[in-house]
Amino acid sequence: MKILKITKIERQKRNPKRVSVYIDGHFAFGINMEVAYICDLKEGREIDSDFIESVVKKEEQFRANNYALNLLSFRARSEKEIYDRMMQKGYEPSVIANTIQYLKEQRYINDKDFAEVFIRDKVELNRYGRNRIKSELLKKGISKELIDELLETTFQTDTEYETAKELAENKIKSYLKDKKDTQYRKLSSYLLRKGYSYDIVSRVVKEIINIQEE
């Protein structure tokens, strides 16, 4: 195998965190300074094509990891969300797998922690019922078993009913000019979209509309 030599390593003007590597007097590739340090790149070092390929792969992995970390800087994400975004970005499945493993090891992603926070926010801020929360978590790749376990500890029928009733009491004010059957349909659709079960919705709507009639 042909032996090559690194003849110059030069910091890039547009991005001081990256360097340009020259081999045998010609520009070969650009790379992050951290990767260059990890790979012990230095002027005068003799290398071969296999070594260059390994450096390029480390650079790709480094960029992939940073892309995922950038996604997480905006908000917490599930493992599937990270995977899907990285696939859309064009990263190879093996690179994505390495990134996800890195994120797990560093505790940057944890589907159980993610789901717990998601449920709490949707209950407290959006006042969603369990059906909608479950549907959204399934789309984010959270396992059905984990979702059911967490929802069981979060929701109680009585409290879910009271929340649905409070929502209905506020929403019915928008339908006072409608006929009874229209009120029933609109209010039911609203609560079902919020994620409450048919049984809870049926009980709440009948109670609220009966109160309005009285």
Protein backbone atom coordinates (compact mmCIF):
# COMPACT_ATOMS: atom_id res chain seq x y z
CA MET A 1 0.00 0.00 0.00
CA LYS A 2 1.30 3.43 -0.97
CA ILE A 3 2.66 5.53 1.89
CA LEU A 4 1.46 9.14 1.96
CA LYS A 5 2.58 12.10 4.05
CA ILE A 6 0.67 14.92 5.68
CA THR A 7 2.48 17.99 4.43
CA LYS A 8 0.33 20.76 5.94
CA ILE A 9 -2.52 21.26 8.37
CA GLU A 10 -4.09 24.69 8.14
CA ARG A 11 -6.89 26.26 10.16
CA GLN A 12 -9.76 27.33 7.94
CA LYS A 13 -10.53 31.05 7.78
CA ARG A 14 -14.30 30.70 7.50
CA ASN A 15 -14.54 28.19 10.34
CA PRO A 16 -11.72 28.32 12.90
CA LYS A 17 -12.96 25.04 14.42
CA ARG A 18 -11.98 23.18 11.25
CA VAL A 19 -8.67 22.55 9.53
CA SER A 20 -7.66 21.74 5.98
CA VAL A 21 -5.38 18.74 5.61
CA TYR A 22 -2.86 18.56 2.75
CA ILE A 23 -1.31 15.27 1.69
CA ASP A 24 1.79 15.21 -0.50
CA GLY A 25 1.36 18.90 -1.15
CA HIS A 26 -2.29 18.76 -2.22
CA PHE A 27 -5.50 19.54 -0.36
CA ALA A 28 -7.07 16.26 0.77
CA PHE A 29 -9.98 17.04 3.08
CA GLY A 30 -11.37 19.38 5.72
CA ILE A 31 -11.96 18.14 9.23
CA ASN A 32 -13.02 19.33 12.66
CA MET A 33 -10.10 20.20 14.95
CA GLU A 34 -11.37 17.84 17.63
CA VAL A 35 -11.36 14.92 15.20
CA ALA A 36 -7.90 15.92 13.99
CA TYR A 37 -6.69 15.80 17.58
CA ILE A 38 -8.33 12.44 18.27
CA CYS A 39 -6.76 10.97 15.13
CA ASP A 40 -3.38 12.50 16.00
CA LEU A 41 -3.06 14.27 12.67
CA LYS A 42 0.14 16.28 12.42
CA GLU A 43 2.44 17.56 9.71
CA GLY A 44 5.06 15.07 8.63
CA ARG A 45 3.08 12.01 9.70
CA GLU A 46 3.11 9.13 7.23
CA ILE A 47 -0.26 7.53 6.56
CA ASP A 48 -2.00 5.27 4.05
CA SER A 49 -5.39 5.23 2.30
CA ASP A 50 -6.99 3.03 4.97
CA PHE A 51 -6.04 5.55 7.64
CA ILE A 52 -7.52 8.38 5.58
CA GLU A 53 -10.76 6.44 5.20
CA SER A 54 -10.96 5.89 8.96
CA VAL A 55 -10.42 9.61 9.60
CA VAL A 56 -13.16 10.55 7.14
CA LYS A 57 -15.53 8.11 8.86
CA LYS A 58 -14.75 9.62 12.27
CA GLU A 59 -15.46 13.06 10.85
CA GLU A 60 -18.82 11.87 9.50
CA GLN A 61 -19.70 10.38 12.88
CA PHE A 62 -18.64 13.54 14.65
CA ARG A 63 -20.87 15.64 12.39
CA ALA A 64 -23.76 13.22 12.89
CA ASN A 65 -23.42 13.38 16.68
CA ASN A 66 -23.36 17.16 16.61
CA TYR A 67 -26.41 17.27 14.35
CA ALA A 68 -28.34 15.14 16.85
CA LEU A 69 -27.15 17.25 19.78
CA ASN A 70 -28.31 20.35 17.95
CA LEU A 71 -31.77 18.81 17.52
CA LEU A 72 -31.89 18.12 21.25
CA SER A 73 -30.89 21.70 22.05
CA PHE A 74 -34.33 22.84 20.83
CA ARG A 75 -36.39 20.26 22.70
CA ALA A 76 -36.29 16.74 24.08
CA ARG A 77 -36.87 14.02 21.48
CA SER A 78 -37.54 10.31 21.41
CA GLU A 79 -35.12 7.83 19.88
CA LYS A 80 -37.39 7.43 16.84
CA GLU A 81 -37.57 11.19 16.30
CA ILE A 82 -33.78 11.39 16.23
CA TYR A 83 -33.58 8.42 13.87
CA ASP A 84 -36.19 9.82 11.48
CA ARG A 85 -34.62 13.29 11.31
CA MET A 86 -31.16 11.85 10.68
CA MET A 87 -32.51 9.59 7.92
CA GLN A 88 -34.11 12.64 6.31
CA LYS A 89 -30.74 14.38 6.54
CA GLY A 90 -29.17 11.51 4.60
CA TYR A 91 -27.03 9.81 7.23
CA GLU A 92 -26.30 6.11 6.83
CA PRO A 93 -28.20 3.74 9.19
CA SER A 94 -24.92 2.56 10.74
CA VAL A 95 -23.90 6.14 11.50
CA ILE A 96 -27.33 6.84 13.00
CA ALA A 97 -27.08 3.72 15.16
CA ASN A 98 -23.71 4.90 16.49
CA THR A 99 -25.13 8.34 17.22
CA ILE A 100 -28.12 6.93 19.10
CA GLN A 101 -25.84 4.68 21.12
CA TYR A 102 -23.67 7.70 21.97
CA LEU A 103 -26.72 9.74 23.02
CA LYS A 104 -27.94 6.91 25.25
CA GLU A 105 -24.55 6.45 26.88
CA GLN A 106 -24.36 10.18 27.61
CA ARG A 107 -27.98 10.13 28.85
CA TYR A 108 -29.05 12.70 26.31
CA ILE A 109 -31.99 10.52 25.25
CA ASN A 110 -34.12 8.14 27.27
CA ASP A 111 -37.55 7.17 25.97
CA LYS A 112 -39.01 6.61 29.44
CA ASP A 113 -37.87 10.02 30.70
CA PHE A 114 -39.10 11.60 27.47
CA ALA A 115 -42.52 9.97 27.75
CA GLU A 116 -42.93 10.98 31.42
CA VAL A 117 -42.26 14.64 30.63
CA PHE A 118 -44.43 14.51 27.50
CA ILE A 119 -47.38 13.10 29.45
CA ARG A 120 -47.02 15.64 32.24
CA ASP A 121 -46.89 18.57 29.80
CA LYS A 122 -49.85 17.37 27.75
CA VAL A 123 -51.95 16.83 30.85
CA GLU A 124 -51.05 20.08 32.60
CA LEU A 125 -50.65 22.43 29.63
CA ASN A 126 -52.86 21.00 26.89
CA ARG A 127 -55.29 19.06 29.11
CA TYR A 128 -55.31 16.10 26.78
CA GLY A 129 -57.00 12.83 27.61
CA ARG A 130 -55.15 9.53 27.61
CA ASN A 131 -56.25 8.48 24.10
CA ARG A 132 -54.63 11.45 22.39
CA ILE A 133 -51.50 11.23 24.49
CA LYS A 134 -51.16 7.54 23.69
CA SER A 135 -51.64 8.17 19.97
CA GLU A 136 -48.99 10.89 19.87
CA LEU A 137 -46.46 8.86 21.87
CA LEU A 138 -46.94 5.85 19.58
CA LYS A 139 -46.12 8.10 16.61
CA LYS A 140 -42.92 9.10 18.39
CA GLY A 141 -41.86 5.47 18.66
CA ILE A 142 -42.57 4.90 22.34
CA SER A 143 -43.56 1.29 23.02
CA LYS A 144 -47.21 0.54 23.78
CA GLU A 145 -46.20 -1.28 26.96
CA LEU A 146 -44.30 1.71 28.33
CA ILE A 147 -47.09 4.11 27.38
CA ASP A 148 -49.73 1.99 29.10
CA GLU A 149 -47.57 1.70 32.22
CA LEU A 150 -47.01 5.44 32.49
CA LEU A 151 -50.60 6.39 31.67
CA GLU A 152 -51.87 3.99 34.31
CA THR A 153 -49.90 5.82 36.99
CA THR A 154 -50.89 9.25 35.65
CA PHE A 155 -54.61 8.98 34.93
CA GLN A 156 -57.48 8.13 37.19
CA THR A 157 -61.00 7.92 35.80
CA ASP A 158 -62.39 10.43 38.28
CA THR A 159 -59.78 13.11 37.63
CA GLU A 160 -59.96 12.58 33.86
CA TYR A 161 -63.73 12.96 34.03
CA GLU A 162 -63.46 16.18 36.05
CA THR A 163 -60.96 17.65 33.60
CA ALA A 164 -63.19 16.78 30.63
CA LYS A 165 -66.17 18.30 32.41
CA GLU A 166 -64.31 21.55 33.10
CA LEU A 167 -63.27 21.78 29.44
CA ALA A 168 -66.85 21.14 28.35
CA GLU A 169 -68.26 23.79 30.70
CA ASN A 170 -66.01 26.39 29.10
CA LYS A 171 -66.54 25.19 25.53
CA ILE A 172 -70.34 25.00 25.67
CA LYS A 173 -70.41 28.80 25.94
CA SER A 174 -69.44 28.93 22.28
CA TYR A 175 -72.40 26.77 21.26
CA LEU A 176 -75.26 28.39 23.19
CA LYS A 177 -76.96 29.62 20.01
CA ASP A 178 -76.89 26.13 18.45
CA LYS A 179 -79.63 23.54 18.65
CA LYS A 180 -79.33 20.77 21.22
CA ASP A 181 -78.24 18.09 18.73
CA THR A 182 -75.64 20.45 17.25
CA GLN A 183 -74.32 21.25 20.72
CA TYR A 184 -74.09 17.56 21.46
CA ARG A 185 -72.19 16.84 18.23
CA LYS A 186 -69.78 19.76 18.53
CA LEU A 187 -69.00 19.21 22.19
CA SER A 188 -68.51 15.48 21.70
CA SER A 189 -66.16 16.04 18.76
CA TYR A 190 -64.17 18.60 20.76
CA LEU A 191 -63.63 16.28 23.72
CA LEU A 192 -62.86 13.27 21.53
CA ARG A 193 -60.19 15.31 19.71
CA LYS A 194 -58.75 16.16 23.10
CA GLY A 195 -58.31 12.45 23.66
CA TYR A 196 -61.02 11.54 26.13
CA SER A 197 -62.71 8.16 25.93
CA TYR A 198 -66.17 7.74 24.43
CA ASP A 199 -67.59 6.77 27.83
CA ILE A 200 -66.27 9.90 29.54
CA VAL A 201 -67.33 12.13 26.64
CA SER A 202 -70.84 10.68 26.62
CA ARG A 203 -71.27 11.21 30.37
CA VAL A 204 -69.87 14.72 30.33
CA VAL A 205 -71.81 15.96 27.31
CA LYS A 206 -75.14 14.63 28.56
CA GLU A 207 -74.57 16.26 31.94
CA ILE A 208 -73.48 19.63 30.51
CA ILE A 209 -76.29 19.87 27.99
CA ASN A 210 -78.89 18.87 30.57
CA ILE A 211 -77.60 21.63 32.84
CA GLN A 212 -77.94 24.12 29.99
CA GLU A 213 -81.57 23.08 29.42
CA GLU A 214 -82.39 23.62 33.07
